[in-house]
Amino acid sequence: MKASARYVKIVEWSEEDNCYVGSAPGLILGGCHGDDERAVFTELCQIVEDAIALYEQDGKPLPAATSGRDLVNWLQSVA
């Protein structure tokens, strides 16, 4: 399993920004945005890979994994 698979990647529509916004909570601040949902997800995956590479390059431990925690069901329960 790739290290990037340990992190939840979210792409959602933003009414405020009038575009799709991608984020990886717990790993990166900010994210990416655009008009094409798939393109935003592809870019987000690359950003996650790059962030992990920077952590490893700097010899820093990766943040705690966010996948495998049933995050989707938890988010639905608080929505």
PDB file of N, CA and C in Angstrom:
ATOM      1  N   MET A   1       0.840  -1.173   0.000  1.00  0.00           N
ATOM      2  CA  MET A   1       0.000   0.000   0.000  1.00  0.00           C
ATOM      3  C   MET A   1       0.889   1.241   0.000  1.00  0.00           C
ATOM      4  N   LYS A   2       0.521   2.194  -0.834  1.00  0.00           N
ATOM      5  CA  LYS A   2       1.243   3.460  -0.880  1.00  0.00           C
ATOM      6  C   LYS A   2       0.908   4.281   0.355  1.00  0.00           C
ATOM      7  N   ALA A   3       1.851   5.058   0.819  1.00  0.00           N
ATOM      8  CA  ALA A   3       1.624   5.910   1.991  1.00  0.00           C
ATOM      9  C   ALA A   3       0.455   6.862   1.772  1.00  0.00           C
ATOM     10  N   SER A   4       0.266   7.307   0.545  1.00  0.00           N
ATOM     11  CA  SER A   4      -0.809   8.258   0.256  1.00  0.00           C
ATOM     12  C   SER A   4      -2.196   7.648   0.470  1.00  0.00           C
ATOM     13  N   ALA A   5      -2.297   6.335   0.401  1.00  0.00           N
ATOM     14  CA  ALA A   5      -3.592   5.672   0.619  1.00  0.00           C
ATOM     15  C   ALA A   5      -4.043   5.776   2.071  1.00  0.00           C
ATOM     16  N   ARG A   6      -3.152   6.186   2.945  1.00  0.00           N
ATOM     17  CA  ARG A   6      -3.492   6.311   4.362  1.00  0.00           C
ATOM     18  C   ARG A   6      -4.228   7.609   4.686  1.00  0.00           C
ATOM     19  N   TYR A   7      -4.390   8.479   3.669  1.00  0.00           N
ATOM     20  CA  TYR A   7      -4.982   9.787   3.901  1.00  0.00           C
ATOM     21  C   TYR A   7      -6.244   9.999   3.071  1.00  0.00           C
ATOM     22  N   VAL A   8      -7.287  10.461   3.730  1.00  0.00           N
ATOM     23  CA  VAL A   8      -8.551  10.760   3.074  1.00  0.00           C
ATOM     24  C   VAL A   8      -8.355  11.951   2.151  1.00  0.00           C
ATOM     25  N   LYS A   9      -8.903  11.826   0.952  1.00  0.00           N
ATOM     26  CA  LYS A   9      -8.863  12.911  -0.022  1.00  0.00           C
ATOM     27  C   LYS A   9     -10.309  13.296  -0.326  1.00  0.00           C
ATOM     28  N   ILE A  10     -10.625  14.566  -0.164  1.00  0.00           N
ATOM     29  CA  ILE A  10     -12.004  15.029  -0.339  1.00  0.00           C
ATOM     30  C   ILE A  10     -12.055  16.049  -1.469  1.00  0.00           C
ATOM     31  N   VAL A  11     -12.984  15.825  -2.393  1.00  0.00           N
ATOM     32  CA  VAL A  11     -13.278  16.807  -3.439  1.00  0.00           C
ATOM     33  C   VAL A  11     -14.750  17.140  -3.298  1.00  0.00           C
ATOM     34  N   GLU A  12     -15.041  18.415  -3.124  1.00  0.00           N
ATOM     35  CA  GLU A  12     -16.431  18.834  -2.949  1.00  0.00           C
ATOM     36  C   GLU A  12     -16.685  20.135  -3.703  1.00  0.00           C
ATOM     37  N   TRP A  13     -17.952  20.352  -4.031  1.00  0.00           N
ATOM     38  CA  TRP A  13     -18.337  21.573  -4.715  1.00  0.00           C
ATOM     39  C   TRP A  13     -18.442  22.695  -3.696  1.00  0.00           C
ATOM     40  N   SER A  14     -17.890  23.845  -4.029  1.00  0.00           N
ATOM     41  CA  SER A  14     -17.961  25.023  -3.170  1.00  0.00           C
ATOM     42  C   SER A  14     -18.849  26.069  -3.840  1.00  0.00           C
ATOM     43  N   GLU A  15     -19.997  26.330  -3.233  1.00  0.00           N
ATOM     44  CA  GLU A  15     -20.876  27.381  -3.753  1.00  0.00           C
ATOM     45  C   GLU A  15     -20.182  28.734  -3.671  1.00  0.00           C
ATOM     46  N   GLU A  16     -19.457  28.944  -2.586  1.00  0.00           N
ATOM     47  CA  GLU A  16     -18.763  30.217  -2.372  1.00  0.00           C
ATOM     48  C   GLU A  16     -17.729  30.490  -3.468  1.00  0.00           C
ATOM     49  N   ASP A  17     -16.973  29.455  -3.827  1.00  0.00           N
ATOM     50  CA  ASP A  17     -15.915  29.605  -4.833  1.00  0.00           C
ATOM     51  C   ASP A  17     -16.391  29.276  -6.242  1.00  0.00           C
ATOM     52  N   ASN A  18     -17.580  28.662  -6.336  1.00  0.00           N
ATOM     53  CA  ASN A  18     -18.162  28.260  -7.611  1.00  0.00           C
ATOM     54  C   ASN A  18     -17.228  27.326  -8.391  1.00  0.00           C
ATOM     55  N   CYS A  19     -16.635  26.365  -7.658  1.00  0.00           N
ATOM     56  CA  CYS A  19     -15.759  25.378  -8.275  1.00  0.00           C
ATOM     57  C   CYS A  19     -15.592  24.204  -7.307  1.00  0.00           C
ATOM     58  N   TYR A  20     -14.924  23.154  -7.784  1.00  0.00           N
ATOM     59  CA  TYR A  20     -14.605  22.019  -6.928  1.00  0.00           C
ATOM     60  C   TYR A  20     -13.358  22.351  -6.114  1.00  0.00           C
ATOM     61  N   VAL A  21     -13.352  21.918  -4.869  1.00  0.00           N
ATOM     62  CA  VAL A  21     -12.226  22.161  -3.970  1.00  0.00           C
ATOM     63  C   VAL A  21     -11.756  20.815  -3.426  1.00  0.00           C
ATOM     64  N   GLY A  22     -10.457  20.571  -3.493  1.00  0.00           N
ATOM     65  CA  GLY A  22      -9.883  19.330  -2.995  1.00  0.00           C
ATOM     66  C   GLY A  22      -9.055  19.582  -1.755  1.00  0.00           C
ATOM     67  N   SER A  23      -9.157  18.673  -0.776  1.00  0.00           N
ATOM     68  CA  SER A  23      -8.371  18.806   0.444  1.00  0.00           C
ATOM     69  C   SER A  23      -8.025  17.424   0.996  1.00  0.00           C
ATOM     70  N   ALA A  24      -7.025  17.398   1.850  1.00  0.00           N
ATOM     71  CA  ALA A  24      -6.607  16.171   2.535  1.00  0.00           C
ATOM     72  C   ALA A  24      -6.428  16.530   4.013  1.00  0.00           C
ATOM     73  N   PRO A  25      -7.531  16.565   4.754  1.00  0.00           N
ATOM     74  CA  PRO A  25      -7.463  16.974   6.162  1.00  0.00           C
ATOM     75  C   PRO A  25      -6.464  16.128   6.952  1.00  0.00           C
ATOM     76  N   GLY A  26      -5.744  16.796   7.809  1.00  0.00           N
ATOM     77  CA  GLY A  26      -4.776  16.103   8.643  1.00  0.00           C
ATOM     78  C   GLY A  26      -3.398  15.984   8.031  1.00  0.00           C
ATOM     79  N   LEU A  27      -3.313  16.190   6.708  1.00  0.00           N
ATOM     80  CA  LEU A  27      -2.017  16.065   6.042  1.00  0.00           C
ATOM     81  C   LEU A  27      -1.535  17.402   5.499  1.00  0.00           C
ATOM     82  N   ILE A  28      -2.416  18.111   4.802  1.00  0.00           N
ATOM     83  CA  ILE A  28      -2.015  19.384   4.198  1.00  0.00           C
ATOM     84  C   ILE A  28      -3.013  20.476   4.567  1.00  0.00           C
ATOM     85  N   LEU A  29      -2.525  21.700   4.650  1.00  0.00           N
ATOM     86  CA  LEU A  29      -3.395  22.859   4.781  1.00  0.00           C
ATOM     87  C   LEU A  29      -3.685  23.346   3.367  1.00  0.00           C
ATOM     88  N   GLY A  30      -4.885  23.796   3.131  1.00  0.00           N
ATOM     89  CA  GLY A  30      -5.225  24.225   1.777  1.00  0.00           C
ATOM     90  C   GLY A  30      -5.510  23.031   0.903  1.00  0.00           C
ATOM     91  N   GLY A  31      -5.269  23.176  -0.363  1.00  0.00           N
ATOM     92  CA  GLY A  31      -5.537  22.092  -1.294  1.00  0.00           C
ATOM     93  C   GLY A  31      -5.478  22.603  -2.715  1.00  0.00           C
ATOM     94  N   CYS A  32      -6.493  22.268  -3.510  1.00  0.00           N
ATOM     95  CA  CYS A  32      -6.526  22.693  -4.900  1.00  0.00           C
ATOM     96  C   CYS A  32      -7.972  22.928  -5.297  1.00  0.00           C
ATOM     97  N   HIS A  33      -8.165  23.534  -6.460  1.00  0.00           N
ATOM     98  CA  HIS A  33      -9.518  23.814  -6.911  1.00  0.00           C
ATOM     99  C   HIS A  33      -9.562  23.862  -8.434  1.00  0.00           C
ATOM    100  N   GLY A  34     -10.764  23.733  -8.983  1.00  0.00           N
ATOM    101  CA  GLY A  34     -10.929  23.810 -10.427  1.00  0.00           C
ATOM    102  C   GLY A  34     -12.346  23.483 -10.832  1.00  0.00           C
ATOM    103  N   ASP A  35     -12.606  23.559 -12.145  1.00  0.00           N
ATOM    104  CA  ASP A  35     -13.948  23.334 -12.684  1.00  0.00           C
ATOM    105  C   ASP A  35     -14.260  21.867 -12.963  1.00  0.00           C
ATOM    106  N   ASP A  36     -13.236  21.034 -13.055  1.00  0.00           N
ATOM    107  CA  ASP A  36     -13.419  19.620 -13.389  1.00  0.00           C
ATOM    108  C   ASP A  36     -13.131  18.757 -12.164  1.00  0.00           C
ATOM    109  N   GLU A  37     -14.137  18.042 -11.699  1.00  0.00           N
ATOM    110  CA  GLU A  37     -14.019  17.246 -10.472  1.00  0.00           C
ATOM    111  C   GLU A  37     -12.893  16.220 -10.550  1.00  0.00           C
ATOM    112  N   ARG A  38     -12.809  15.514 -11.658  1.00  0.00           N
ATOM    113  CA  ARG A  38     -11.757  14.494 -11.810  1.00  0.00           C
ATOM    114  C   ARG A  38     -10.366  15.115 -11.847  1.00  0.00           C
ATOM    115  N   ALA A  39     -10.245  16.240 -12.529  1.00  0.00           N
ATOM    116  CA  ALA A  39      -8.946  16.910 -12.601  1.00  0.00           C
ATOM    117  C   ALA A  39      -8.508  17.397 -11.223  1.00  0.00           C
ATOM    118  N   VAL A  40      -9.463  17.879 -10.434  1.00  0.00           N
ATOM    119  CA  VAL A  40      -9.145  18.328  -9.070  1.00  0.00           C
ATOM    120  C   VAL A  40      -8.684  17.138  -8.239  1.00  0.00           C
ATOM    121  N   PHE A  41      -9.364  15.991  -8.376  1.00  0.00           N
ATOM    122  CA  PHE A  41      -8.952  14.808  -7.617  1.00  0.00           C
ATOM    123  C   PHE A  41      -7.550  14.354  -8.030  1.00  0.00           C
ATOM    124  N   THR A  42      -7.280  14.355  -9.324  1.00  0.00           N
ATOM    125  CA  THR A  42      -5.953  13.963  -9.814  1.00  0.00           C
ATOM    126  C   THR A  42      -4.879  14.890  -9.256  1.00  0.00           C
ATOM    127  N   GLU A  43      -5.152  16.195  -9.287  1.00  0.00           N
ATOM    128  CA  GLU A  43      -4.192  17.162  -8.754  1.00  0.00           C
ATOM    129  C   GLU A  43      -4.011  16.965  -7.248  1.00  0.00           C
ATOM    130  N   LEU A  44      -5.108  16.713  -6.546  1.00  0.00           N
ATOM    131  CA  LEU A  44      -5.045  16.489  -5.094  1.00  0.00           C
ATOM    132  C   LEU A  44      -4.185  15.268  -4.772  1.00  0.00           C
ATOM    133  N   CYS A  45      -4.351  14.206  -5.524  1.00  0.00           N
ATOM    134  CA  CYS A  45      -3.535  13.007  -5.296  1.00  0.00           C
ATOM    135  C   CYS A  45      -2.053  13.317  -5.458  1.00  0.00           C
ATOM    136  N   GLN A  46      -1.704  14.128  -6.454  1.00  0.00           N
ATOM    137  CA  GLN A  46      -0.309  14.504  -6.663  1.00  0.00           C
ATOM    138  C   GLN A  46       0.199  15.376  -5.516  1.00  0.00           C
ATOM    139  N   ILE A  47      -0.648  16.289  -5.041  1.00  0.00           N
ATOM    140  CA  ILE A  47      -0.270  17.142  -3.912  1.00  0.00           C
ATOM    141  C   ILE A  47       0.001  16.294  -2.675  1.00  0.00           C
ATOM    142  N   VAL A  48      -0.828  15.290  -2.441  1.00  0.00           N
ATOM    143  CA  VAL A  48      -0.628  14.395  -1.293  1.00  0.00           C
ATOM    144  C   VAL A  48       0.691  13.650  -1.436  1.00  0.00           C
ATOM    145  N   GLU A  49       0.962  13.121  -2.625  1.00  0.00           N
ATOM    146  CA  GLU A  49       2.235  12.427  -2.872  1.00  0.00           C
ATOM    147  C   GLU A  49       3.417  13.371  -2.609  1.00  0.00           C
ATOM    148  N   ASP A  50       3.311  14.609  -3.104  1.00  0.00           N
ATOM    149  CA  ASP A  50       4.386  15.590  -2.914  1.00  0.00           C
ATOM    150  C   ASP A  50       4.577  15.931  -1.433  1.00  0.00           C
ATOM    151  N   ALA A  51       3.485  16.082  -0.716  1.00  0.00           N
ATOM    152  CA  ALA A  51       3.569  16.409   0.715  1.00  0.00           C
ATOM    153  C   ALA A  51       4.262  15.285   1.477  1.00  0.00           C
ATOM    154  N   ILE A  52       3.916  14.046   1.162  1.00  0.00           N
ATOM    155  CA  ILE A  52       4.538  12.896   1.819  1.00  0.00           C
ATOM    156  C   ILE A  52       6.031  12.869   1.503  1.00  0.00           C
ATOM    157  N   ALA A  53       6.385  13.141   0.259  1.00  0.00           N
ATOM    158  CA  ALA A  53       7.798  13.165  -0.135  1.00  0.00           C
ATOM    159  C   ALA A  53       8.555  14.231   0.655  1.00  0.00           C
ATOM    160  N   LEU A  54       7.930  15.392   0.882  1.00  0.00           N
ATOM    161  CA  LEU A  54       8.585  16.445   1.652  1.00  0.00           C
ATOM    162  C   LEU A  54       8.783  16.032   3.110  1.00  0.00           C
ATOM    163  N   TYR A  55       7.772  15.398   3.688  1.00  0.00           N
ATOM    164  CA  TYR A  55       7.931  14.895   5.063  1.00  0.00           C
ATOM    165  C   TYR A  55       9.123  13.942   5.132  1.00  0.00           C
ATOM    166  N   GLU A  56       9.172  13.005   4.182  1.00  0.00           N
ATOM    167  CA  GLU A  56      10.250  12.014   4.177  1.00  0.00           C
ATOM    168  C   GLU A  56      11.607  12.674   3.931  1.00  0.00           C
ATOM    169  N   GLN A  57      11.656  13.634   3.012  1.00  0.00           N
ATOM    170  CA  GLN A  57      12.900  14.343   2.706  1.00  0.00           C
ATOM    171  C   GLN A  57      13.423  15.089   3.930  1.00  0.00           C
ATOM    172  N   ASP A  58      12.512  15.662   4.702  1.00  0.00           N
ATOM    173  CA  ASP A  58      12.894  16.410   5.902  1.00  0.00           C
ATOM    174  C   ASP A  58      13.108  15.511   7.116  1.00  0.00           C
ATOM    175  N   GLY A  59      12.864  14.202   6.955  1.00  0.00           N
ATOM    176  CA  GLY A  59      13.036  13.264   8.061  1.00  0.00           C
ATOM    177  C   GLY A  59      11.990  13.419   9.146  1.00  0.00           C
ATOM    178  N   LYS A  60      10.835  13.974   8.793  1.00  0.00           N
ATOM    179  CA  LYS A  60       9.765  14.176   9.772  1.00  0.00           C
ATOM    180  C   LYS A  60       8.774  13.017   9.700  1.00  0.00           C
ATOM    181  N   PRO A  61       8.212  12.650  10.835  1.00  0.00           N
ATOM    182  CA  PRO A  61       7.197  11.590  10.808  1.00  0.00           C
ATOM    183  C   PRO A  61       5.918  12.096  10.140  1.00  0.00           C
ATOM    184  N   LEU A  62       5.250  11.212   9.441  1.00  0.00           N
ATOM    185  CA  LEU A  62       3.986  11.571   8.806  1.00  0.00           C
ATOM    186  C   LEU A  62       2.899  11.767   9.860  1.00  0.00           C
ATOM    187  N   PRO A  63       1.948  12.663   9.588  1.00  0.00           N
ATOM    188  CA  PRO A  63       0.818  12.810  10.503  1.00  0.00           C
ATOM    189  C   PRO A  63       0.034  11.494  10.590  1.00  0.00           C
ATOM    190  N   ALA A  64      -0.768  11.370  11.618  1.00  0.00           N
ATOM    191  CA  ALA A  64      -1.590  10.165  11.789  1.00  0.00           C
ATOM    192  C   ALA A  64      -2.477   9.963  10.566  1.00  0.00           C
ATOM    193  N   ALA A  65      -2.653   8.724  10.188  1.00  0.00           N
ATOM    194  CA  ALA A  65      -3.496   8.386   9.043  1.00  0.00           C
ATOM    195  C   ALA A  65      -4.933   8.834   9.292  1.00  0.00           C
ATOM    196  N   THR A  66      -5.607   9.224   8.217  1.00  0.00           N
ATOM    197  CA  THR A  66      -7.010   9.617   8.334  1.00  0.00           C
ATOM    198  C   THR A  66      -7.939   8.615   7.665  1.00  0.00           C
ATOM    199  N   SER A  67      -7.413   7.694   6.866  1.00  0.00           N
ATOM    200  CA  SER A  67      -8.266   6.672   6.269  1.00  0.00           C
ATOM    201  C   SER A  67      -8.391   5.496   7.232  1.00  0.00           C
ATOM    202  N   GLY A  68      -9.390   4.679   6.988  1.00  0.00           N
ATOM    203  CA  GLY A  68      -9.595   3.511   7.829  1.00  0.00           C
ATOM    204  C   GLY A  68     -10.227   3.829   9.159  1.00  0.00           C
ATOM    205  N   ARG A  69     -10.738   5.028   9.294  1.00  0.00           N
ATOM    206  CA  ARG A  69     -11.372   5.435  10.551  1.00  0.00           C
ATOM    207  C   ARG A  69     -12.866   5.614  10.385  1.00  0.00           C
ATOM    208  N   ASP A  70     -13.410   5.125   9.268  1.00  0.00           N
ATOM    209  CA  ASP A  70     -14.829   5.258   8.987  1.00  0.00           C
ATOM    210  C   ASP A  70     -15.238   6.730   8.995  1.00  0.00           C
ATOM    211  N   LEU A  71     -14.361   7.569   8.455  1.00  0.00           N
ATOM    212  CA  LEU A  71     -14.565   9.014   8.466  1.00  0.00           C
ATOM    213  C   LEU A  71     -15.851   9.429   7.759  1.00  0.00           C
ATOM    214  N   VAL A  72     -16.174   8.766   6.648  1.00  0.00           N
ATOM    215  CA  VAL A  72     -17.369   9.141   5.900  1.00  0.00           C
ATOM    216  C   VAL A  72     -18.614   8.986   6.759  1.00  0.00           C
ATOM    217  N   ASN A  73     -18.753   7.856   7.433  1.00  0.00           N
ATOM    218  CA  ASN A  73     -19.928   7.655   8.278  1.00  0.00           C
ATOM    219  C   ASN A  73     -19.944   8.622   9.455  1.00  0.00           C
ATOM    220  N   TRP A  74     -18.787   8.928   9.995  1.00  0.00           N
ATOM    221  CA  TRP A  74     -18.721   9.895  11.090  1.00  0.00           C
ATOM    222  C   TRP A  74     -19.167  11.275  10.614  1.00  0.00           C
ATOM    223  N   LEU A  75     -18.694  11.681   9.434  1.00  0.00           N
ATOM    224  CA  LEU A  75     -19.081  12.981   8.900  1.00  0.00           C
ATOM    225  C   LEU A  75     -20.587  13.051   8.648  1.00  0.00           C
ATOM    226  N   GLN A  76     -21.174  11.953   8.190  1.00  0.00           N
ATOM    227  CA  GLN A  76     -22.619  11.939   7.969  1.00  0.00           C
ATOM    228  C   GLN A  76     -23.377  12.072   9.272  1.00  0.00           C
ATOM    229  N   SER A  77     -22.829  11.560  10.335  1.00  0.00           N
ATOM    230  CA  SER A  77     -23.535  11.625  11.612  1.00  0.00           C
ATOM    231  C   SER A  77     -23.508  13.009  12.228  1.00  0.00           C
ATOM    232  N   VAL A  78     -22.553  13.841  11.845  1.00  0.00           N
ATOM    233  CA  VAL A  78     -22.474  15.184  12.404  1.00  0.00           C
ATOM    234  C   VAL A  78     -23.040  16.242  11.457  1.00  0.00           C
ATOM    235  N   ALA A  79     -23.391  15.834  10.261  1.00  0.00           N
ATOM    236  CA  ALA A  79     -23.936  16.788   9.270  1.00  0.00           C
ATOM    237  C   ALA A  79     -25.393  17.106   9.581  1.00  0.00           C
TER     238      ALA A  79
END
